[in-house]
Amino acid sequence: MDKKGRLLVVDDEESIRFLYDQEFTDEGYQVLLASSGEDALEILEKEPVDLVILDIRMKEMSGLEALQHIVKEKKNLPVILCSAYSSYQDDFSSWLADAYVIKSADLTELKEEVKRLLEKYYGSE
């Protein structure tokens, strides 16, 4: 099942983590979950991951702060910022991410970005 890629989903909302886990697992991805930026950084130290889906507004460490750490530590790891707030697209620190997707109940755009970035970074299946 590892052939499609290993995703790390970082979101402080349990329902979002559950939804993304179900949807991406059904698509054949292996999914790791983190409820905070701190948890995500710990997982990234220990586990190989192909792509990160990162929420922005979280308690303690924001997704933008976590993104800065990820880019510094894992230069070639693609990151998708996934937020309900489009205003963060104007924040220059969000430009460190490979993609920015507005949260929606319809995961089509997010799934397309995951596929596009995995192909860009790792080649097609």
N, C-alpha and C. Protein backbone atom coordinates (compact mmCIF):
# COMPACT_ATOMS: atom_id res chain seq x y z
N MET A 1 0.81 -1.20 0.00
CA MET A 1 0.00 0.00 0.00
C MET A 1 0.85 1.26 0.00
N ASP A 2 2.12 1.16 0.24
CA ASP A 2 3.02 2.30 0.31
C ASP A 2 3.30 2.91 -1.06
N LYS A 3 2.87 2.24 -2.13
CA LYS A 3 3.30 2.67 -3.47
C LYS A 3 2.80 4.05 -3.86
N LYS A 4 1.65 4.48 -3.37
CA LYS A 4 1.12 5.79 -3.74
C LYS A 4 1.79 6.92 -2.98
N GLY A 5 2.27 6.65 -1.79
CA GLY A 5 2.91 7.70 -1.01
C GLY A 5 2.44 7.73 0.42
N ARG A 6 3.26 8.35 1.23
CA ARG A 6 3.00 8.48 2.66
C ARG A 6 2.71 9.93 2.98
N LEU A 7 1.52 10.21 3.46
CA LEU A 7 1.09 11.58 3.73
C LEU A 7 1.04 11.82 5.23
N LEU A 8 1.44 13.03 5.63
CA LEU A 8 1.27 13.47 7.01
C LEU A 8 0.21 14.56 7.00
N VAL A 9 -0.91 14.30 7.67
CA VAL A 9 -2.00 15.27 7.79
C VAL A 9 -1.89 15.93 9.15
N VAL A 10 -1.78 17.27 9.14
CA VAL A 10 -1.63 18.03 10.38
C VAL A 10 -2.81 18.98 10.51
N ASP A 11 -3.68 18.72 11.48
CA ASP A 11 -4.85 19.56 11.71
C ASP A 11 -5.29 19.38 13.15
N ASP A 12 -5.67 20.48 13.80
CA ASP A 12 -6.09 20.37 15.20
C ASP A 12 -7.55 19.93 15.34
N GLU A 13 -8.28 19.86 14.23
CA GLU A 13 -9.67 19.38 14.28
C GLU A 13 -9.71 17.89 14.00
N GLU A 14 -10.18 17.14 14.98
CA GLU A 14 -10.23 15.68 14.86
C GLU A 14 -11.07 15.24 13.67
N SER A 15 -12.19 15.94 13.43
CA SER A 15 -13.08 15.54 12.33
C SER A 15 -12.38 15.69 10.97
N ILE A 16 -11.55 16.72 10.82
CA ILE A 16 -10.81 16.91 9.57
C ILE A 16 -9.77 15.80 9.41
N ARG A 17 -9.04 15.51 10.50
CA ARG A 17 -8.05 14.43 10.43
C ARG A 17 -8.72 13.12 10.04
N PHE A 18 -9.86 12.84 10.65
CA PHE A 18 -10.59 11.60 10.36
C PHE A 18 -11.01 11.56 8.89
N LEU A 19 -11.59 12.66 8.40
CA LEU A 19 -12.04 12.72 7.00
C LEU A 19 -10.87 12.50 6.04
N TYR A 20 -9.79 13.23 6.23
CA TYR A 20 -8.64 13.11 5.34
C TYR A 20 -8.03 11.71 5.41
N ASP A 21 -7.98 11.16 6.62
CA ASP A 21 -7.44 9.81 6.79
C ASP A 21 -8.27 8.82 5.99
N GLN A 22 -9.59 8.89 6.12
CA GLN A 22 -10.48 7.98 5.39
C GLN A 22 -10.34 8.15 3.88
N GLU A 23 -10.41 9.40 3.42
CA GLU A 23 -10.40 9.68 1.99
C GLU A 23 -9.08 9.26 1.34
N PHE A 24 -7.96 9.62 1.96
CA PHE A 24 -6.66 9.31 1.34
C PHE A 24 -6.29 7.84 1.50
N THR A 25 -6.71 7.21 2.58
CA THR A 25 -6.49 5.77 2.74
C THR A 25 -7.26 5.02 1.65
N ASP A 26 -8.51 5.45 1.41
CA ASP A 26 -9.31 4.83 0.34
C ASP A 26 -8.66 4.99 -1.03
N GLU A 27 -7.89 6.06 -1.20
CA GLU A 27 -7.20 6.31 -2.48
C GLU A 27 -5.90 5.51 -2.59
N GLY A 28 -5.52 4.83 -1.50
CA GLY A 28 -4.32 4.00 -1.55
C GLY A 28 -3.08 4.60 -0.91
N TYR A 29 -3.23 5.76 -0.25
CA TYR A 29 -2.10 6.38 0.44
C TYR A 29 -1.99 5.83 1.86
N GLN A 30 -0.78 5.89 2.39
CA GLN A 30 -0.60 5.62 3.81
C GLN A 30 -0.66 6.98 4.50
N VAL A 31 -1.45 7.09 5.56
CA VAL A 31 -1.68 8.38 6.20
C VAL A 31 -1.22 8.37 7.65
N LEU A 32 -0.41 9.36 7.99
CA LEU A 32 -0.02 9.61 9.37
C LEU A 32 -0.74 10.87 9.82
N LEU A 33 -1.11 10.93 11.09
CA LEU A 33 -1.89 12.06 11.59
C LEU A 33 -1.18 12.77 12.73
N ALA A 34 -1.28 14.11 12.73
CA ALA A 34 -0.75 14.92 13.82
C ALA A 34 -1.79 15.98 14.16
N SER A 35 -1.96 16.25 15.45
CA SER A 35 -2.97 17.22 15.88
C SER A 35 -2.37 18.60 16.14
N SER A 36 -1.04 18.75 15.97
CA SER A 36 -0.41 20.05 16.21
C SER A 36 0.88 20.14 15.39
N GLY A 37 1.37 21.36 15.27
CA GLY A 37 2.64 21.57 14.59
C GLY A 37 3.77 20.85 15.29
N GLU A 38 3.75 20.88 16.62
CA GLU A 38 4.79 20.20 17.40
C GLU A 38 4.79 18.70 17.13
N ASP A 39 3.58 18.10 17.13
CA ASP A 39 3.46 16.66 16.84
C ASP A 39 3.99 16.35 15.44
N ALA A 40 3.68 17.22 14.50
CA ALA A 40 4.12 17.00 13.12
C ALA A 40 5.64 16.99 13.03
N LEU A 41 6.29 17.92 13.71
CA LEU A 41 7.75 17.99 13.66
C LEU A 41 8.38 16.75 14.30
N GLU A 42 7.76 16.25 15.38
CA GLU A 42 8.25 15.01 16.02
C GLU A 42 8.12 13.83 15.07
N ILE A 43 6.98 13.72 14.41
CA ILE A 43 6.77 12.62 13.46
C ILE A 43 7.79 12.69 12.33
N LEU A 44 8.02 13.90 11.82
CA LEU A 44 8.95 14.07 10.69
C LEU A 44 10.39 13.71 11.06
N GLU A 45 10.73 13.83 12.35
CA GLU A 45 12.07 13.42 12.80
C GLU A 45 12.23 11.91 12.75
N LYS A 46 11.11 11.18 12.95
CA LYS A 46 11.18 9.72 13.12
C LYS A 46 10.71 8.93 11.90
N GLU A 47 9.82 9.50 11.11
CA GLU A 47 9.14 8.75 10.05
C GLU A 47 9.43 9.33 8.67
N PRO A 48 9.64 8.48 7.66
CA PRO A 48 9.74 9.00 6.30
C PRO A 48 8.34 9.38 5.79
N VAL A 49 8.24 10.55 5.21
CA VAL A 49 6.96 11.07 4.71
C VAL A 49 7.21 11.64 3.32
N ASP A 50 6.25 11.47 2.41
CA ASP A 50 6.39 11.97 1.04
C ASP A 50 5.77 13.35 0.83
N LEU A 51 4.79 13.70 1.68
CA LEU A 51 4.10 14.98 1.51
C LEU A 51 3.39 15.33 2.81
N VAL A 52 3.28 16.64 3.10
CA VAL A 52 2.58 17.11 4.30
C VAL A 52 1.40 17.97 3.88
N ILE A 53 0.24 17.69 4.50
CA ILE A 53 -0.95 18.53 4.36
C ILE A 53 -1.09 19.25 5.70
N LEU A 54 -0.97 20.57 5.68
CA LEU A 54 -0.79 21.34 6.91
C LEU A 54 -1.86 22.41 7.07
N ASP A 55 -2.59 22.34 8.18
CA ASP A 55 -3.54 23.39 8.54
C ASP A 55 -2.74 24.61 9.00
N ILE A 56 -3.34 25.79 8.95
CA ILE A 56 -2.61 27.00 9.37
C ILE A 56 -2.99 27.40 10.79
N ARG A 57 -4.26 27.54 11.06
CA ARG A 57 -4.69 28.04 12.38
C ARG A 57 -4.79 26.88 13.36
N MET A 58 -3.76 26.77 14.21
CA MET A 58 -3.74 25.76 15.25
C MET A 58 -3.21 26.41 16.53
N LYS A 59 -3.55 25.81 17.67
CA LYS A 59 -3.07 26.32 18.95
C LYS A 59 -1.55 26.16 19.05
N GLU A 60 -0.95 26.93 19.93
CA GLU A 60 0.50 26.95 20.15
C GLU A 60 1.28 27.28 18.88
N MET A 61 1.68 26.27 18.10
CA MET A 61 2.46 26.52 16.89
C MET A 61 1.54 26.55 15.68
N SER A 62 1.54 27.67 14.96
CA SER A 62 0.69 27.77 13.76
C SER A 62 1.29 26.91 12.64
N GLY A 63 0.48 26.66 11.65
CA GLY A 63 0.96 25.93 10.49
C GLY A 63 2.09 26.67 9.78
N LEU A 64 2.02 28.01 9.79
CA LEU A 64 3.08 28.78 9.13
C LEU A 64 4.41 28.63 9.87
N GLU A 65 4.35 28.59 11.22
CA GLU A 65 5.57 28.34 11.99
C GLU A 65 6.11 26.94 11.72
N ALA A 66 5.22 25.96 11.72
CA ALA A 66 5.64 24.59 11.44
C ALA A 66 6.24 24.49 10.03
N LEU A 67 5.62 25.19 9.07
CA LEU A 67 6.11 25.19 7.70
C LEU A 67 7.56 25.68 7.63
N GLN A 68 7.86 26.74 8.37
CA GLN A 68 9.24 27.26 8.38
C GLN A 68 10.22 26.21 8.90
N HIS A 69 9.84 25.49 9.94
CA HIS A 69 10.70 24.41 10.46
C HIS A 69 10.86 23.29 9.43
N ILE A 70 9.76 22.91 8.80
CA ILE A 70 9.79 21.81 7.83
C ILE A 70 10.70 22.17 6.66
N VAL A 71 10.54 23.38 6.13
CA VAL A 71 11.34 23.81 4.99
C VAL A 71 12.83 23.84 5.35
N LYS A 72 13.11 24.24 6.58
CA LYS A 72 14.50 24.31 7.04
C LYS A 72 15.11 22.92 7.21
N GLU A 73 14.34 22.00 7.77
CA GLU A 73 14.84 20.66 8.08
C GLU A 73 14.72 19.68 6.90
N LYS A 74 13.67 19.79 6.13
CA LYS A 74 13.36 18.84 5.05
C LYS A 74 13.14 19.62 3.76
N LYS A 75 14.21 20.11 3.19
CA LYS A 75 14.12 21.05 2.06
C LYS A 75 13.29 20.55 0.88
N ASN A 76 13.34 19.28 0.58
CA ASN A 76 12.65 18.76 -0.61
C ASN A 76 11.35 18.03 -0.29
N LEU A 77 10.76 18.34 0.86
CA LEU A 77 9.50 17.70 1.23
C LEU A 77 8.35 18.62 0.81
N PRO A 78 7.49 18.17 -0.12
CA PRO A 78 6.38 19.03 -0.53
C PRO A 78 5.36 19.22 0.59
N VAL A 79 4.86 20.47 0.68
CA VAL A 79 3.89 20.82 1.71
C VAL A 79 2.72 21.55 1.05
N ILE A 80 1.52 21.11 1.40
CA ILE A 80 0.29 21.79 0.98
C ILE A 80 -0.31 22.44 2.21
N LEU A 81 -0.47 23.76 2.16
CA LEU A 81 -1.22 24.45 3.21
C LEU A 81 -2.69 24.29 2.89
N CYS A 82 -3.45 23.90 3.89
CA CYS A 82 -4.88 23.67 3.69
C CYS A 82 -5.61 24.42 4.80
N SER A 83 -6.24 25.53 4.44
CA SER A 83 -6.86 26.39 5.43
C SER A 83 -8.25 26.80 5.00
N ALA A 84 -9.09 27.07 5.97
CA ALA A 84 -10.42 27.60 5.67
C ALA A 84 -10.33 29.09 5.34
N TYR A 85 -9.17 29.69 5.56
CA TYR A 85 -9.00 31.13 5.42
C TYR A 85 -8.12 31.46 4.22
N SER A 86 -8.70 32.09 3.21
CA SER A 86 -7.93 32.44 2.02
C SER A 86 -6.97 33.59 2.28
N SER A 87 -7.20 34.37 3.32
CA SER A 87 -6.38 35.56 3.59
C SER A 87 -4.91 35.21 3.82
N TYR A 88 -4.62 33.99 4.26
CA TYR A 88 -3.23 33.61 4.51
C TYR A 88 -2.43 33.49 3.23
N GLN A 89 -3.09 33.40 2.09
CA GLN A 89 -2.37 33.33 0.82
C GLN A 89 -1.55 34.59 0.60
N ASP A 90 -1.95 35.70 1.21
CA ASP A 90 -1.24 36.96 1.06
C ASP A 90 -0.05 37.07 2.01
N ASP A 91 0.06 36.16 2.98
CA ASP A 91 1.18 36.16 3.92
C ASP A 91 2.39 35.55 3.22
N PHE A 92 3.46 36.31 3.11
CA PHE A 92 4.61 35.83 2.34
C PHE A 92 5.17 34.52 2.88
N SER A 93 5.02 34.25 4.17
CA SER A 93 5.55 32.98 4.69
C SER A 93 4.77 31.78 4.16
N SER A 94 3.54 31.99 3.69
CA SER A 94 2.78 30.88 3.10
C SER A 94 3.35 30.49 1.74
N TRP A 95 4.14 31.38 1.15
CA TRP A 95 4.72 31.10 -0.17
C TRP A 95 5.78 30.02 -0.11
N LEU A 96 6.22 29.66 1.09
CA LEU A 96 7.18 28.56 1.23
C LEU A 96 6.54 27.22 0.88
N ALA A 97 5.22 27.16 0.96
CA ALA A 97 4.51 25.91 0.65
C ALA A 97 4.46 25.70 -0.85
N ASP A 98 4.29 24.45 -1.25
CA ASP A 98 4.20 24.10 -2.66
C ASP A 98 2.81 24.37 -3.24
N ALA A 99 1.81 24.40 -2.36
CA ALA A 99 0.44 24.64 -2.81
C ALA A 99 -0.38 25.17 -1.64
N TYR A 100 -1.47 25.83 -1.97
CA TYR A 100 -2.39 26.39 -0.98
C TYR A 100 -3.79 26.01 -1.42
N VAL A 101 -4.50 25.27 -0.58
CA VAL A 101 -5.85 24.81 -0.91
C VAL A 101 -6.81 25.30 0.18
N ILE A 102 -7.92 25.87 -0.24
CA ILE A 102 -8.95 26.29 0.71
C ILE A 102 -9.73 25.05 1.14
N LYS A 103 -9.88 24.87 2.46
CA LYS A 103 -10.61 23.71 2.98
C LYS A 103 -12.03 23.68 2.44
N SER A 104 -12.46 22.49 2.12
CA SER A 104 -13.80 22.29 1.58
C SER A 104 -14.23 20.86 1.89
N ALA A 105 -15.53 20.64 1.93
CA ALA A 105 -16.03 19.27 2.12
C ALA A 105 -15.71 18.43 0.89
N ASP A 106 -15.54 19.10 -0.26
CA ASP A 106 -15.17 18.43 -1.49
C ASP A 106 -13.64 18.41 -1.57
N LEU A 107 -13.07 17.23 -1.48
CA LEU A 107 -11.61 17.10 -1.44
C LEU A 107 -10.96 16.96 -2.81
N THR A 108 -11.72 17.20 -3.87
CA THR A 108 -11.19 17.03 -5.23
C THR A 108 -9.93 17.85 -5.46
N GLU A 109 -9.97 19.13 -5.14
CA GLU A 109 -8.81 20.00 -5.38
C GLU A 109 -7.61 19.54 -4.55
N LEU A 110 -7.84 19.20 -3.30
CA LEU A 110 -6.75 18.74 -2.43
C LEU A 110 -6.14 17.45 -2.98
N LYS A 111 -6.98 16.52 -3.40
CA LYS A 111 -6.48 15.25 -3.95
C LYS A 111 -5.68 15.49 -5.22
N GLU A 112 -6.14 16.42 -6.06
CA GLU A 112 -5.41 16.73 -7.29
C GLU A 112 -4.05 17.33 -6.99
N GLU A 113 -3.98 18.21 -5.98
CA GLU A 113 -2.69 18.82 -5.61
C GLU A 113 -1.73 17.77 -5.04
N VAL A 114 -2.25 16.86 -4.23
CA VAL A 114 -1.40 15.79 -3.68
C VAL A 114 -0.81 14.97 -4.82
N LYS A 115 -1.66 14.57 -5.75
CA LYS A 115 -1.19 13.77 -6.89
C LYS A 115 -0.17 14.55 -7.72
N ARG A 116 -0.47 15.81 -8.01
CA ARG A 116 0.43 16.64 -8.82
C ARG A 116 1.80 16.79 -8.17
N LEU A 117 1.81 17.06 -6.87
CA LEU A 117 3.09 17.28 -6.20
C LEU A 117 3.88 15.99 -6.05
N LEU A 118 3.21 14.88 -5.79
CA LEU A 118 3.94 13.61 -5.69
C LEU A 118 4.56 13.26 -7.04
N GLU A 119 3.84 13.52 -8.12
CA GLU A 119 4.39 13.27 -9.45
C GLU A 119 5.56 14.21 -9.73
N LYS A 120 5.42 15.48 -9.36
CA LYS A 120 6.47 16.46 -9.58
C LYS A 120 7.75 16.10 -8.83
N TYR A 121 7.61 15.69 -7.58
CA TYR A 121 8.77 15.42 -6.73
C TYR A 121 9.34 14.02 -6.92
N TYR A 122 8.48 13.06 -7.21
CA TYR A 122 8.92 11.66 -7.19
C TYR A 122 8.69 10.93 -8.51
N GLY A 123 8.13 11.62 -9.51
CA GLY A 123 7.82 10.95 -10.77
C GLY A 123 6.49 10.25 -10.71
N SER A 124 5.98 9.87 -11.85
CA SER A 124 4.66 9.20 -11.87
C SER A 124 4.83 7.75 -11.46
N GLU A 125 3.69 7.14 -11.12
CA GLU A 125 3.69 5.74 -10.63
C GLU A 125 4.18 4.78 -11.68
